[in-house]
Amino acid sequence: MSWLALLDYASVLVFALTGALVASRAQLDLVGFAFIASLTAVGGGTVRDLLLNRDPVFWVGQPDYILIAVAAAVLVFFTAHLVESRYNCLIWLDSFALSIAVAAGSATALSLGQSGVVVVLMGISTGCLGGLMRDVVCNEVPLVLKQGELYVSCAFAGALTAVAASRLGLDDLAILASCALVCWALRAGSLLFGWKLPVYKSRPPRV
């Protein structure tokens, strides 16, 4: 199994766990858990594959991805009550899922010979869109848009690192590792130390 396939499996598993945790906060039934977990797990990768014109989409070609997401949903359904703070567990699991998915999306675009701009956009899409779908469907404030935290910026930095590592001629494992590490380090720094970018502040118009 290739590193890229392993990343896709890892991304699906961890994102599915976050989706199931959000479903537990929304107090859904088991079918709802499975739906939200699957949507979160494959949402970003689906958009990536459609934009890159990959046929078939990764989970259509290998339905095992959906089975993994459903298994994760069942696991969380019966164990979520054991977690002291499901929100803290959610944001940290999501940080790992983000970094893995950004690396997977960037690597997929690189493997298809796409330009640096497309690689960066595919990394961001793969990392961010599944979680965005999860939060919107469950009526949560999207982590992607939460004020005062780095999120899309982390995905951008990670994908850009993958492009730079590729240009330097590093091997596939080094490209994936550097991408995921940069993305996760920035996200963790934002959560632990409050790292953030300046935000727009409205001002009264000049007379």
N, C-alpha and C. Protein backbone atom coordinates (compact mmCIF):
# COMPACT_ATOMS: atom_id res chain seq x y z
N MET A 1 0.85 -1.20 0.00
CA MET A 1 0.00 0.00 0.00
C MET A 1 0.88 1.25 0.00
N SER A 2 0.55 2.21 -0.83
CA SER A 2 1.36 3.43 -0.95
C SER A 2 1.12 4.36 0.23
N TRP A 3 2.05 5.32 0.40
CA TRP A 3 1.89 6.32 1.45
C TRP A 3 0.63 7.15 1.24
N LEU A 4 0.33 7.42 -0.01
CA LEU A 4 -0.86 8.22 -0.32
C LEU A 4 -2.14 7.49 0.10
N ALA A 5 -2.20 6.20 -0.17
CA ALA A 5 -3.37 5.41 0.23
C ALA A 5 -3.49 5.36 1.75
N LEU A 6 -2.35 5.21 2.44
CA LEU A 6 -2.36 5.19 3.90
C LEU A 6 -2.87 6.52 4.45
N LEU A 7 -2.46 7.61 3.83
CA LEU A 7 -2.93 8.93 4.27
C LEU A 7 -4.43 9.06 4.09
N ASP A 8 -4.95 8.59 2.96
CA ASP A 8 -6.39 8.65 2.73
C ASP A 8 -7.15 7.86 3.80
N TYR A 9 -6.65 6.66 4.11
CA TYR A 9 -7.30 5.84 5.14
C TYR A 9 -7.26 6.54 6.50
N ALA A 10 -6.08 7.09 6.84
CA ALA A 10 -5.94 7.76 8.14
C ALA A 10 -6.84 8.99 8.21
N SER A 11 -6.88 9.74 7.12
CA SER A 11 -7.72 10.94 7.08
C SER A 11 -9.19 10.58 7.25
N VAL A 12 -9.64 9.55 6.55
CA VAL A 12 -11.03 9.11 6.65
C VAL A 12 -11.36 8.69 8.09
N LEU A 13 -10.48 7.92 8.70
CA LEU A 13 -10.73 7.44 10.06
C LEU A 13 -10.84 8.58 11.06
N VAL A 14 -9.85 9.48 11.06
CA VAL A 14 -9.83 10.54 12.07
C VAL A 14 -10.95 11.54 11.83
N PHE A 15 -11.19 11.90 10.57
CA PHE A 15 -12.29 12.83 10.29
C PHE A 15 -13.64 12.19 10.65
N ALA A 16 -13.77 10.88 10.44
CA ALA A 16 -15.02 10.20 10.81
C ALA A 16 -15.24 10.26 12.32
N LEU A 17 -14.17 10.12 13.09
CA LEU A 17 -14.29 10.23 14.54
C LEU A 17 -14.77 11.62 14.95
N THR A 18 -14.25 12.65 14.28
CA THR A 18 -14.69 14.01 14.61
C THR A 18 -16.17 14.20 14.23
N GLY A 19 -16.55 13.65 13.08
CA GLY A 19 -17.94 13.76 12.67
C GLY A 19 -18.88 13.09 13.66
N ALA A 20 -18.47 11.92 14.16
CA ALA A 20 -19.30 11.21 15.13
C ALA A 20 -19.36 11.96 16.46
N LEU A 21 -18.26 12.62 16.84
CA LEU A 21 -18.29 13.42 18.06
C LEU A 21 -19.25 14.60 17.95
N VAL A 22 -19.26 15.25 16.78
CA VAL A 22 -20.21 16.33 16.56
C VAL A 22 -21.64 15.78 16.57
N ALA A 23 -21.83 14.59 16.01
CA ALA A 23 -23.16 13.96 16.04
C ALA A 23 -23.60 13.67 17.47
N SER A 24 -22.65 13.31 18.33
CA SER A 24 -23.00 13.05 19.73
C SER A 24 -23.42 14.34 20.43
N ARG A 25 -22.78 15.46 20.07
CA ARG A 25 -23.16 16.75 20.65
C ARG A 25 -24.55 17.17 20.18
N ALA A 26 -24.91 16.73 18.97
CA ALA A 26 -26.24 17.03 18.44
C ALA A 26 -27.29 15.99 18.85
N GLN A 27 -26.84 14.94 19.58
CA GLN A 27 -27.72 13.89 20.10
C GLN A 27 -28.51 13.20 18.98
N LEU A 28 -27.79 12.78 17.94
CA LEU A 28 -28.41 12.08 16.82
C LEU A 28 -28.50 10.58 17.11
N ASP A 29 -29.29 9.87 16.29
CA ASP A 29 -29.34 8.41 16.43
C ASP A 29 -28.17 7.77 15.68
N LEU A 30 -28.11 6.45 15.70
CA LEU A 30 -26.96 5.74 15.12
C LEU A 30 -26.82 5.99 13.62
N VAL A 31 -27.96 6.06 12.91
CA VAL A 31 -27.91 6.33 11.48
C VAL A 31 -27.39 7.76 11.24
N GLY A 32 -27.82 8.68 12.07
CA GLY A 32 -27.30 10.05 11.98
C GLY A 32 -25.81 10.11 12.22
N PHE A 33 -25.33 9.34 13.20
CA PHE A 33 -23.90 9.24 13.46
C PHE A 33 -23.16 8.78 12.20
N ALA A 34 -23.66 7.71 11.59
CA ALA A 34 -23.00 7.14 10.42
C ALA A 34 -22.99 8.13 9.27
N PHE A 35 -24.10 8.86 9.09
CA PHE A 35 -24.18 9.83 8.00
C PHE A 35 -23.19 10.97 8.20
N ILE A 36 -23.18 11.56 9.40
CA ILE A 36 -22.29 12.70 9.65
C ILE A 36 -20.84 12.25 9.60
N ALA A 37 -20.54 11.08 10.14
CA ALA A 37 -19.17 10.58 10.10
C ALA A 37 -18.70 10.37 8.67
N SER A 38 -19.55 9.78 7.85
CA SER A 38 -19.19 9.53 6.45
C SER A 38 -19.06 10.82 5.66
N LEU A 39 -19.99 11.75 5.88
CA LEU A 39 -19.92 13.03 5.20
C LEU A 39 -18.61 13.76 5.52
N THR A 40 -18.25 13.76 6.80
CA THR A 40 -17.01 14.42 7.22
C THR A 40 -15.79 13.72 6.65
N ALA A 41 -15.84 12.39 6.67
CA ALA A 41 -14.68 11.60 6.28
C ALA A 41 -14.34 11.72 4.80
N VAL A 42 -15.35 11.77 3.95
CA VAL A 42 -15.07 11.74 2.51
C VAL A 42 -15.42 13.03 1.78
N GLY A 43 -15.97 14.00 2.51
CA GLY A 43 -16.43 15.24 1.86
C GLY A 43 -15.32 15.97 1.14
N GLY A 44 -14.23 16.25 1.84
CA GLY A 44 -13.13 16.99 1.22
C GLY A 44 -12.46 16.23 0.09
N GLY A 45 -12.26 14.93 0.29
CA GLY A 45 -11.64 14.11 -0.74
C GLY A 45 -12.51 13.97 -1.98
N THR A 46 -13.82 13.96 -1.77
CA THR A 46 -14.75 13.88 -2.90
C THR A 46 -14.64 15.13 -3.78
N VAL A 47 -14.66 16.30 -3.14
CA VAL A 47 -14.51 17.55 -3.89
C VAL A 47 -13.18 17.57 -4.63
N ARG A 48 -12.13 17.15 -3.95
CA ARG A 48 -10.81 17.08 -4.58
C ARG A 48 -10.83 16.22 -5.84
N ASP A 49 -11.37 15.02 -5.73
CA ASP A 49 -11.36 14.10 -6.87
C ASP A 49 -12.23 14.60 -8.01
N LEU A 50 -13.36 15.22 -7.69
CA LEU A 50 -14.21 15.76 -8.74
C LEU A 50 -13.51 16.90 -9.48
N LEU A 51 -12.85 17.77 -8.73
CA LEU A 51 -12.15 18.89 -9.36
C LEU A 51 -10.97 18.42 -10.20
N LEU A 52 -10.32 17.35 -9.76
CA LEU A 52 -9.17 16.81 -10.49
C LEU A 52 -9.59 15.81 -11.57
N ASN A 53 -10.89 15.59 -11.68
CA ASN A 53 -11.43 14.68 -12.70
C ASN A 53 -10.90 13.26 -12.53
N ARG A 54 -10.78 12.84 -11.29
CA ARG A 54 -10.35 11.45 -11.02
C ARG A 54 -11.56 10.54 -11.14
N ASP A 55 -11.41 9.45 -11.84
CA ASP A 55 -12.51 8.53 -12.07
C ASP A 55 -12.03 7.10 -11.77
N PRO A 56 -12.64 6.42 -10.78
CA PRO A 56 -13.74 6.91 -9.94
C PRO A 56 -13.23 7.73 -8.75
N VAL A 57 -14.17 8.42 -8.09
CA VAL A 57 -13.85 9.09 -6.82
C VAL A 57 -13.34 8.04 -5.85
N PHE A 58 -12.40 8.42 -4.98
CA PHE A 58 -11.64 7.43 -4.20
C PHE A 58 -12.52 6.45 -3.43
N TRP A 59 -13.60 6.92 -2.81
CA TRP A 59 -14.41 6.00 -2.01
C TRP A 59 -15.38 5.19 -2.86
N VAL A 60 -15.65 5.63 -4.08
CA VAL A 60 -16.47 4.84 -4.99
C VAL A 60 -15.65 3.65 -5.51
N GLY A 61 -14.39 3.91 -5.80
CA GLY A 61 -13.51 2.82 -6.26
C GLY A 61 -13.19 1.84 -5.15
N GLN A 62 -13.13 2.33 -3.90
CA GLN A 62 -12.84 1.47 -2.75
C GLN A 62 -13.82 1.79 -1.63
N PRO A 63 -14.95 1.10 -1.59
CA PRO A 63 -15.98 1.37 -0.57
C PRO A 63 -15.52 1.11 0.85
N ASP A 64 -14.33 0.50 1.02
CA ASP A 64 -13.80 0.28 2.36
C ASP A 64 -13.73 1.57 3.16
N TYR A 65 -13.51 2.69 2.48
CA TYR A 65 -13.45 3.97 3.18
C TYR A 65 -14.75 4.27 3.92
N ILE A 66 -15.87 3.99 3.29
CA ILE A 66 -17.17 4.23 3.93
C ILE A 66 -17.36 3.28 5.10
N LEU A 67 -16.92 2.03 4.95
CA LEU A 67 -17.05 1.07 6.04
C LEU A 67 -16.24 1.51 7.25
N ILE A 68 -15.06 2.08 7.01
CA ILE A 68 -14.23 2.59 8.11
C ILE A 68 -14.95 3.73 8.82
N ALA A 69 -15.54 4.63 8.04
CA ALA A 69 -16.26 5.76 8.62
C ALA A 69 -17.45 5.28 9.47
N VAL A 70 -18.19 4.31 8.96
CA VAL A 70 -19.34 3.78 9.70
C VAL A 70 -18.88 3.08 10.98
N ALA A 71 -17.78 2.34 10.90
CA ALA A 71 -17.24 1.66 12.09
C ALA A 71 -16.84 2.68 13.15
N ALA A 72 -16.22 3.79 12.70
CA ALA A 72 -15.84 4.85 13.64
C ALA A 72 -17.08 5.45 14.29
N ALA A 73 -18.14 5.63 13.50
CA ALA A 73 -19.39 6.19 14.03
C ALA A 73 -19.99 5.28 15.10
N VAL A 74 -20.00 3.97 14.85
CA VAL A 74 -20.54 3.02 15.82
C VAL A 74 -19.72 3.05 17.10
N LEU A 75 -18.40 3.10 16.95
CA LEU A 75 -17.52 3.14 18.12
C LEU A 75 -17.82 4.36 18.99
N VAL A 76 -17.92 5.52 18.37
CA VAL A 76 -18.17 6.75 19.13
C VAL A 76 -19.58 6.74 19.74
N PHE A 77 -20.55 6.18 19.01
CA PHE A 77 -21.92 6.13 19.52
C PHE A 77 -21.99 5.46 20.89
N PHE A 78 -21.18 4.40 21.06
CA PHE A 78 -21.23 3.64 22.31
C PHE A 78 -20.19 4.08 23.34
N THR A 79 -19.29 4.98 22.97
CA THR A 79 -18.22 5.36 23.91
C THR A 79 -18.12 6.86 24.17
N ALA A 80 -18.86 7.68 23.44
CA ALA A 80 -18.71 9.13 23.58
C ALA A 80 -18.98 9.60 25.00
N HIS A 81 -19.89 8.93 25.69
CA HIS A 81 -20.23 9.35 27.06
C HIS A 81 -19.07 9.18 28.03
N LEU A 82 -18.05 8.41 27.63
CA LEU A 82 -16.90 8.19 28.51
C LEU A 82 -15.88 9.32 28.43
N VAL A 83 -16.02 10.18 27.43
CA VAL A 83 -15.06 11.28 27.24
C VAL A 83 -15.49 12.46 28.08
N GLU A 84 -14.57 12.95 28.90
CA GLU A 84 -14.90 14.04 29.82
C GLU A 84 -15.27 15.33 29.08
N SER A 85 -14.46 15.70 28.08
CA SER A 85 -14.76 16.90 27.30
C SER A 85 -14.74 16.53 25.82
N ARG A 86 -15.92 16.32 25.27
CA ARG A 86 -15.98 15.91 23.87
C ARG A 86 -15.53 17.03 22.94
N TYR A 87 -15.72 18.28 23.35
CA TYR A 87 -15.29 19.38 22.48
C TYR A 87 -13.77 19.45 22.40
N ASN A 88 -13.08 19.32 23.52
CA ASN A 88 -11.61 19.31 23.49
C ASN A 88 -11.09 18.14 22.66
N CYS A 89 -11.71 16.99 22.84
CA CYS A 89 -11.32 15.82 22.04
C CYS A 89 -11.56 16.10 20.57
N LEU A 90 -12.68 16.75 20.26
CA LEU A 90 -13.03 17.07 18.88
C LEU A 90 -11.99 17.98 18.22
N ILE A 91 -11.64 19.08 18.89
CA ILE A 91 -10.74 20.03 18.24
C ILE A 91 -9.34 19.47 18.04
N TRP A 92 -8.90 18.60 18.97
CA TRP A 92 -7.57 18.03 18.78
C TRP A 92 -7.57 16.92 17.73
N LEU A 93 -8.60 16.09 17.73
CA LEU A 93 -8.72 15.10 16.66
C LEU A 93 -8.82 15.79 15.31
N ASP A 94 -9.58 16.88 15.27
CA ASP A 94 -9.74 17.63 14.02
C ASP A 94 -8.41 18.20 13.55
N SER A 95 -7.55 18.61 14.49
CA SER A 95 -6.25 19.16 14.09
C SER A 95 -5.40 18.09 13.42
N PHE A 96 -5.45 16.86 13.94
CA PHE A 96 -4.72 15.76 13.30
C PHE A 96 -5.33 15.43 11.94
N ALA A 97 -6.67 15.37 11.89
CA ALA A 97 -7.34 15.07 10.63
C ALA A 97 -7.01 16.11 9.57
N LEU A 98 -7.00 17.38 9.98
CA LEU A 98 -6.68 18.46 9.04
C LEU A 98 -5.30 18.27 8.43
N SER A 99 -4.31 18.03 9.28
CA SER A 99 -2.94 17.91 8.77
C SER A 99 -2.77 16.69 7.87
N ILE A 100 -3.42 15.59 8.22
CA ILE A 100 -3.33 14.39 7.39
C ILE A 100 -4.01 14.62 6.04
N ALA A 101 -5.19 15.23 6.09
CA ALA A 101 -5.96 15.43 4.86
C ALA A 101 -5.28 16.44 3.93
N VAL A 102 -4.70 17.48 4.48
CA VAL A 102 -3.99 18.46 3.64
C VAL A 102 -2.83 17.77 2.92
N ALA A 103 -2.10 16.93 3.65
CA ALA A 103 -1.00 16.19 3.02
C ALA A 103 -1.51 15.26 1.93
N ALA A 104 -2.64 14.58 2.19
CA ALA A 104 -3.21 13.66 1.20
C ALA A 104 -3.68 14.41 -0.05
N GLY A 105 -4.35 15.54 0.15
CA GLY A 105 -4.83 16.31 -0.99
C GLY A 105 -3.69 16.89 -1.81
N SER A 106 -2.68 17.41 -1.13
CA SER A 106 -1.52 17.97 -1.84
C SER A 106 -0.78 16.89 -2.61
N ALA A 107 -0.59 15.75 -1.96
CA ALA A 107 0.14 14.65 -2.61
C ALA A 107 -0.61 14.11 -3.82
N THR A 108 -1.94 14.05 -3.73
CA THR A 108 -2.73 13.58 -4.87
C THR A 108 -2.54 14.50 -6.08
N ALA A 109 -2.62 15.80 -5.83
CA ALA A 109 -2.43 16.76 -6.93
C ALA A 109 -1.02 16.69 -7.49
N LEU A 110 -0.04 16.54 -6.61
CA LEU A 110 1.35 16.42 -7.08
C LEU A 110 1.54 15.17 -7.93
N SER A 111 0.90 14.07 -7.52
CA SER A 111 1.06 12.82 -8.27
C SER A 111 0.46 12.91 -9.67
N LEU A 112 -0.48 13.84 -9.85
CA LEU A 112 -1.11 14.04 -11.16
C LEU A 112 -0.41 15.12 -11.98
N GLY A 113 0.70 15.65 -11.46
CA GLY A 113 1.48 16.64 -12.19
C GLY A 113 0.83 18.02 -12.25
N GLN A 114 0.01 18.35 -11.26
CA GLN A 114 -0.67 19.65 -11.27
C GLN A 114 0.30 20.77 -10.88
N SER A 115 -0.07 21.99 -11.22
CA SER A 115 0.75 23.15 -10.90
C SER A 115 0.72 23.43 -9.41
N GLY A 116 1.66 24.26 -8.96
CA GLY A 116 1.73 24.58 -7.54
C GLY A 116 0.46 25.20 -7.00
N VAL A 117 -0.17 26.06 -7.78
CA VAL A 117 -1.42 26.71 -7.34
C VAL A 117 -2.50 25.66 -7.11
N VAL A 118 -2.63 24.73 -8.02
CA VAL A 118 -3.66 23.68 -7.89
C VAL A 118 -3.34 22.77 -6.71
N VAL A 119 -2.07 22.46 -6.52
CA VAL A 119 -1.67 21.62 -5.39
C VAL A 119 -2.10 22.27 -4.07
N VAL A 120 -1.83 23.54 -3.94
CA VAL A 120 -2.20 24.26 -2.71
C VAL A 120 -3.71 24.26 -2.51
N LEU A 121 -4.45 24.54 -3.58
CA LEU A 121 -5.91 24.59 -3.47
C LEU A 121 -6.50 23.21 -3.16
N MET A 122 -5.92 22.15 -3.72
CA MET A 122 -6.41 20.81 -3.43
C MET A 122 -6.10 20.41 -1.99
N GLY A 123 -4.95 20.83 -1.49
CA GLY A 123 -4.62 20.57 -0.09
C GLY A 123 -5.61 21.24 0.85
N ILE A 124 -5.91 22.51 0.56
CA ILE A 124 -6.86 23.25 1.39
C ILE A 124 -8.26 22.63 1.29
N SER A 125 -8.69 22.31 0.09
CA SER A 125 -10.04 21.74 -0.10
C SER A 125 -10.19 20.41 0.63
N THR A 126 -9.21 19.54 0.47
CA THR A 126 -9.28 18.22 1.10
C THR A 126 -9.28 18.34 2.62
N GLY A 127 -8.50 19.28 3.14
CA GLY A 127 -8.40 19.42 4.58
C GLY A 127 -9.58 20.12 5.23
N CYS A 128 -10.19 21.05 4.54
CA CYS A 128 -11.16 21.94 5.18
C CYS A 128 -12.63 21.63 4.89
N LEU A 129 -12.92 21.11 3.71
CA LEU A 129 -14.33 21.04 3.31
C LEU A 129 -15.14 19.97 4.05
N GLY A 130 -14.53 18.86 4.39
CA GLY A 130 -15.27 17.83 5.14
C GLY A 130 -15.72 18.34 6.49
N GLY A 131 -14.80 19.00 7.21
CA GLY A 131 -15.15 19.56 8.51
C GLY A 131 -16.17 20.67 8.40
N LEU A 132 -16.07 21.47 7.32
CA LEU A 132 -17.04 22.54 7.11
C LEU A 132 -18.44 21.96 6.89
N MET A 133 -18.54 20.92 6.06
CA MET A 133 -19.83 20.26 5.83
C MET A 133 -20.39 19.71 7.14
N ARG A 134 -19.55 19.06 7.92
CA ARG A 134 -19.96 18.49 9.22
C ARG A 134 -20.58 19.55 10.12
N ASP A 135 -19.89 20.66 10.27
CA ASP A 135 -20.35 21.69 11.20
C ASP A 135 -21.61 22.40 10.71
N VAL A 136 -21.69 22.64 9.40
CA VAL A 136 -22.87 23.31 8.86
C VAL A 136 -24.10 22.42 9.00
N VAL A 137 -23.98 21.14 8.67
CA VAL A 137 -25.12 20.23 8.75
C VAL A 137 -25.59 20.07 10.19
N CYS A 138 -24.65 20.07 11.14
CA CYS A 138 -25.00 19.89 12.55
C CYS A 138 -25.25 21.21 13.27
N ASN A 139 -25.30 22.30 12.52
CA ASN A 139 -25.62 23.61 13.08
C ASN A 139 -24.61 24.05 14.15
N GLU A 140 -23.34 23.72 13.93
CA GLU A 140 -22.26 24.15 14.82
C GLU A 140 -21.55 25.33 14.17
N VAL A 141 -20.89 26.14 15.00
CA VAL A 141 -20.04 27.19 14.45
C VAL A 141 -18.86 26.49 13.77
N PRO A 142 -18.67 26.66 12.44
CA PRO A 142 -17.60 25.94 11.75
C PRO A 142 -16.23 26.27 12.32
N LEU A 143 -15.45 25.23 12.62
CA LEU A 143 -14.08 25.45 13.09
C LEU A 143 -13.27 26.21 12.05
N VAL A 144 -13.61 25.98 10.78
CA VAL A 144 -12.90 26.66 9.69
C VAL A 144 -13.01 28.18 9.82
N LEU A 145 -14.14 28.65 10.31
CA LEU A 145 -14.42 30.08 10.35
C LEU A 145 -14.38 30.66 11.76
N LYS A 146 -13.94 29.89 12.73
CA LYS A 146 -13.96 30.38 14.11
C LYS A 146 -12.97 31.52 14.28
N GLN A 147 -13.48 32.63 14.75
CA GLN A 147 -12.65 33.84 14.87
C GLN A 147 -11.55 33.63 15.92
N GLY A 148 -10.37 34.14 15.58
CA GLY A 148 -9.27 34.12 16.53
C GLY A 148 -8.44 32.85 16.51
N GLU A 149 -8.70 31.93 15.56
CA GLU A 149 -7.91 30.70 15.47
C GLU A 149 -7.42 30.52 14.04
N LEU A 150 -6.24 29.96 13.91
CA LEU A 150 -5.73 29.60 12.60
C LEU A 150 -6.35 28.28 12.17
N TYR A 151 -6.82 28.20 10.94
CA TYR A 151 -7.35 26.94 10.41
C TYR A 151 -7.02 26.82 8.93
N VAL A 152 -7.71 27.61 8.09
CA VAL A 152 -7.40 27.57 6.66
C VAL A 152 -5.95 28.00 6.43
N SER A 153 -5.46 28.93 7.25
CA SER A 153 -4.07 29.37 7.14
C SER A 153 -3.10 28.21 7.36
N CYS A 154 -3.46 27.31 8.28
CA CYS A 154 -2.62 26.13 8.54
C CYS A 154 -2.59 25.22 7.31
N ALA A 155 -3.79 25.02 6.71
CA ALA A 155 -3.86 24.19 5.51
C ALA A 155 -3.06 24.81 4.38
N PHE A 156 -3.17 26.12 4.22
CA PHE A 156 -2.41 26.82 3.19
C PHE A 156 -0.91 26.65 3.39
N ALA A 157 -0.44 26.85 4.63
CA ALA A 157 0.99 26.72 4.91
C ALA A 157 1.47 25.29 4.68
N GLY A 158 0.68 24.31 5.08
CA GLY A 158 1.07 22.92 4.87
C GLY A 158 1.16 22.56 3.40
N ALA A 159 0.15 22.96 2.63
CA ALA A 159 0.16 22.66 1.19
C ALA A 159 1.30 23.37 0.49
N LEU A 160 1.57 24.61 0.89
CA LEU A 160 2.68 25.36 0.31
C LEU A 160 4.01 24.69 0.63
N THR A 161 4.12 24.13 1.82
CA THR A 161 5.33 23.38 2.20
C THR A 161 5.51 22.16 1.31
N ALA A 162 4.40 21.49 0.99
CA ALA A 162 4.47 20.32 0.10
C ALA A 162 4.99 20.72 -1.27
N VAL A 163 4.52 21.85 -1.78
CA VAL A 163 4.99 22.33 -3.09
C VAL A 163 6.49 22.64 -3.03
N ALA A 164 6.91 23.33 -1.96
CA ALA A 164 8.32 23.69 -1.82
C ALA A 164 9.19 22.44 -1.70
N ALA A 165 8.73 21.46 -0.91
CA ALA A 165 9.50 20.23 -0.73
C ALA A 165 9.61 19.47 -2.04
N SER A 166 8.54 19.49 -2.82
CA SER A 166 8.57 18.84 -4.13
C SER A 166 9.57 19.51 -5.07
N ARG A 167 9.58 20.84 -5.05
CA ARG A 167 10.52 21.59 -5.91
C ARG A 167 11.97 21.33 -5.51
N LEU A 168 12.18 21.03 -4.22
CA LEU A 168 13.54 20.75 -3.75
C LEU A 168 13.98 19.32 -4.06
N GLY A 169 13.06 18.53 -4.61
CA GLY A 169 13.40 17.16 -5.00
C GLY A 169 13.38 16.15 -3.88
N LEU A 170 12.68 16.46 -2.77
CA LEU A 170 12.60 15.51 -1.66
C LEU A 170 11.74 14.31 -2.05
N ASP A 171 11.94 13.21 -1.35
CA ASP A 171 11.15 12.02 -1.67
C ASP A 171 9.72 12.16 -1.15
N ASP A 172 8.86 11.23 -1.54
CA ASP A 172 7.44 11.34 -1.23
C ASP A 172 7.18 11.40 0.27
N LEU A 173 7.86 10.57 1.04
CA LEU A 173 7.63 10.54 2.48
C LEU A 173 8.02 11.86 3.12
N ALA A 174 9.12 12.45 2.69
CA ALA A 174 9.55 13.73 3.24
C ALA A 174 8.57 14.84 2.88
N ILE A 175 8.02 14.79 1.68
CA ILE A 175 7.03 15.79 1.27
C ILE A 175 5.79 15.70 2.15
N LEU A 176 5.29 14.48 2.32
CA LEU A 176 4.07 14.28 3.12
C LEU A 176 4.30 14.67 4.58
N ALA A 177 5.44 14.25 5.12
CA ALA A 177 5.73 14.52 6.53
C ALA A 177 5.89 16.01 6.80
N SER A 178 6.61 16.70 5.92
CA SER A 178 6.83 18.14 6.13
C SER A 178 5.51 18.90 6.01
N CYS A 179 4.67 18.52 5.07
CA CYS A 179 3.37 19.16 4.90
C CYS A 179 2.51 18.99 6.15
N ALA A 180 2.38 17.75 6.61
CA ALA A 180 1.54 17.47 7.77
C ALA A 180 2.09 18.13 9.03
N LEU A 181 3.40 18.12 9.19
CA LEU A 181 4.01 18.68 10.39
C LEU A 181 3.80 20.19 10.48
N VAL A 182 4.01 20.89 9.37
CA VAL A 182 3.83 22.35 9.36
C VAL A 182 2.37 22.69 9.65
N CYS A 183 1.46 21.99 9.00
CA CYS A 183 0.03 22.25 9.19
C CYS A 183 -0.37 22.01 10.65
N TRP A 184 0.03 20.88 11.21
CA TRP A 184 -0.38 20.56 12.57
C TRP A 184 0.28 21.47 13.59
N ALA A 185 1.55 21.81 13.38
CA ALA A 185 2.25 22.68 14.33
C ALA A 185 1.57 24.04 14.43
N LEU A 186 1.15 24.58 13.29
CA LEU A 186 0.46 25.88 13.32
C LEU A 186 -0.91 25.77 13.99
N ARG A 187 -1.63 24.71 13.69
CA ARG A 187 -2.96 24.52 14.30
C ARG A 187 -2.82 24.31 15.81
N ALA A 188 -1.87 23.50 16.22
CA ALA A 188 -1.65 23.26 17.65
C ALA A 188 -1.22 24.55 18.35
N GLY A 189 -0.36 25.33 17.70
CA GLY A 189 0.06 26.59 18.27
C GLY A 189 -1.10 27.55 18.46
N SER A 190 -2.02 27.54 17.51
CA SER A 190 -3.20 28.39 17.62
C SER A 190 -4.07 27.97 18.80
N LEU A 191 -4.21 26.66 19.00
CA LEU A 191 -5.04 26.17 20.08
C LEU A 191 -4.39 26.36 21.45
N LEU A 192 -3.08 26.15 21.51
CA LEU A 192 -2.38 26.22 22.79
C LEU A 192 -1.97 27.63 23.18
N PHE A 193 -1.49 28.39 22.21
CA PHE A 193 -0.89 29.70 22.51
C PHE A 193 -1.67 30.88 21.93
N GLY A 194 -2.77 30.60 21.27
CA GLY A 194 -3.58 31.68 20.73
C GLY A 194 -3.00 32.35 19.50
N TRP A 195 -2.18 31.64 18.75
CA TRP A 195 -1.64 32.23 17.51
C TRP A 195 -2.80 32.57 16.58
N LYS A 196 -2.73 33.73 15.96
CA LYS A 196 -3.78 34.10 15.02
C LYS A 196 -3.27 35.20 14.09
N LEU A 197 -3.99 35.38 13.01
CA LEU A 197 -3.71 36.46 12.08
C LEU A 197 -4.60 37.65 12.44
N PRO A 198 -4.19 38.85 12.04
CA PRO A 198 -5.05 40.02 12.29
C PRO A 198 -6.39 39.84 11.60
N VAL A 199 -7.45 40.27 12.27
CA VAL A 199 -8.79 40.17 11.70
C VAL A 199 -9.28 41.57 11.33
N TYR A 200 -10.20 41.60 10.40
CA TYR A 200 -10.76 42.89 9.96
C TYR A 200 -11.62 43.49 11.07
N LYS A 201 -11.43 44.77 11.31
CA LYS A 201 -12.26 45.48 12.28
C LYS A 201 -12.93 46.65 11.56
N SER A 202 -14.23 46.71 11.68
CA SER A 202 -14.97 47.76 10.99
C SER A 202 -14.67 49.13 11.59
N ARG A 203 -14.70 50.13 10.74
CA ARG A 203 -14.49 51.51 11.18
C ARG A 203 -15.59 52.38 10.58
N PRO A 204 -15.94 53.46 11.28
CA PRO A 204 -16.96 54.35 10.70
C PRO A 204 -16.44 55.00 9.43
N PRO A 205 -17.29 55.18 8.44
CA PRO A 205 -16.83 55.78 7.17
C PRO A 205 -16.38 57.22 7.36
N ARG A 206 -15.41 57.62 6.54
CA ARG A 206 -14.97 59.01 6.59
C ARG A 206 -16.06 59.92 6.01
N VAL A 207 -16.19 61.06 6.60
CA VAL A 207 -17.18 62.02 6.13
C VAL A 207 -16.62 62.75 4.91
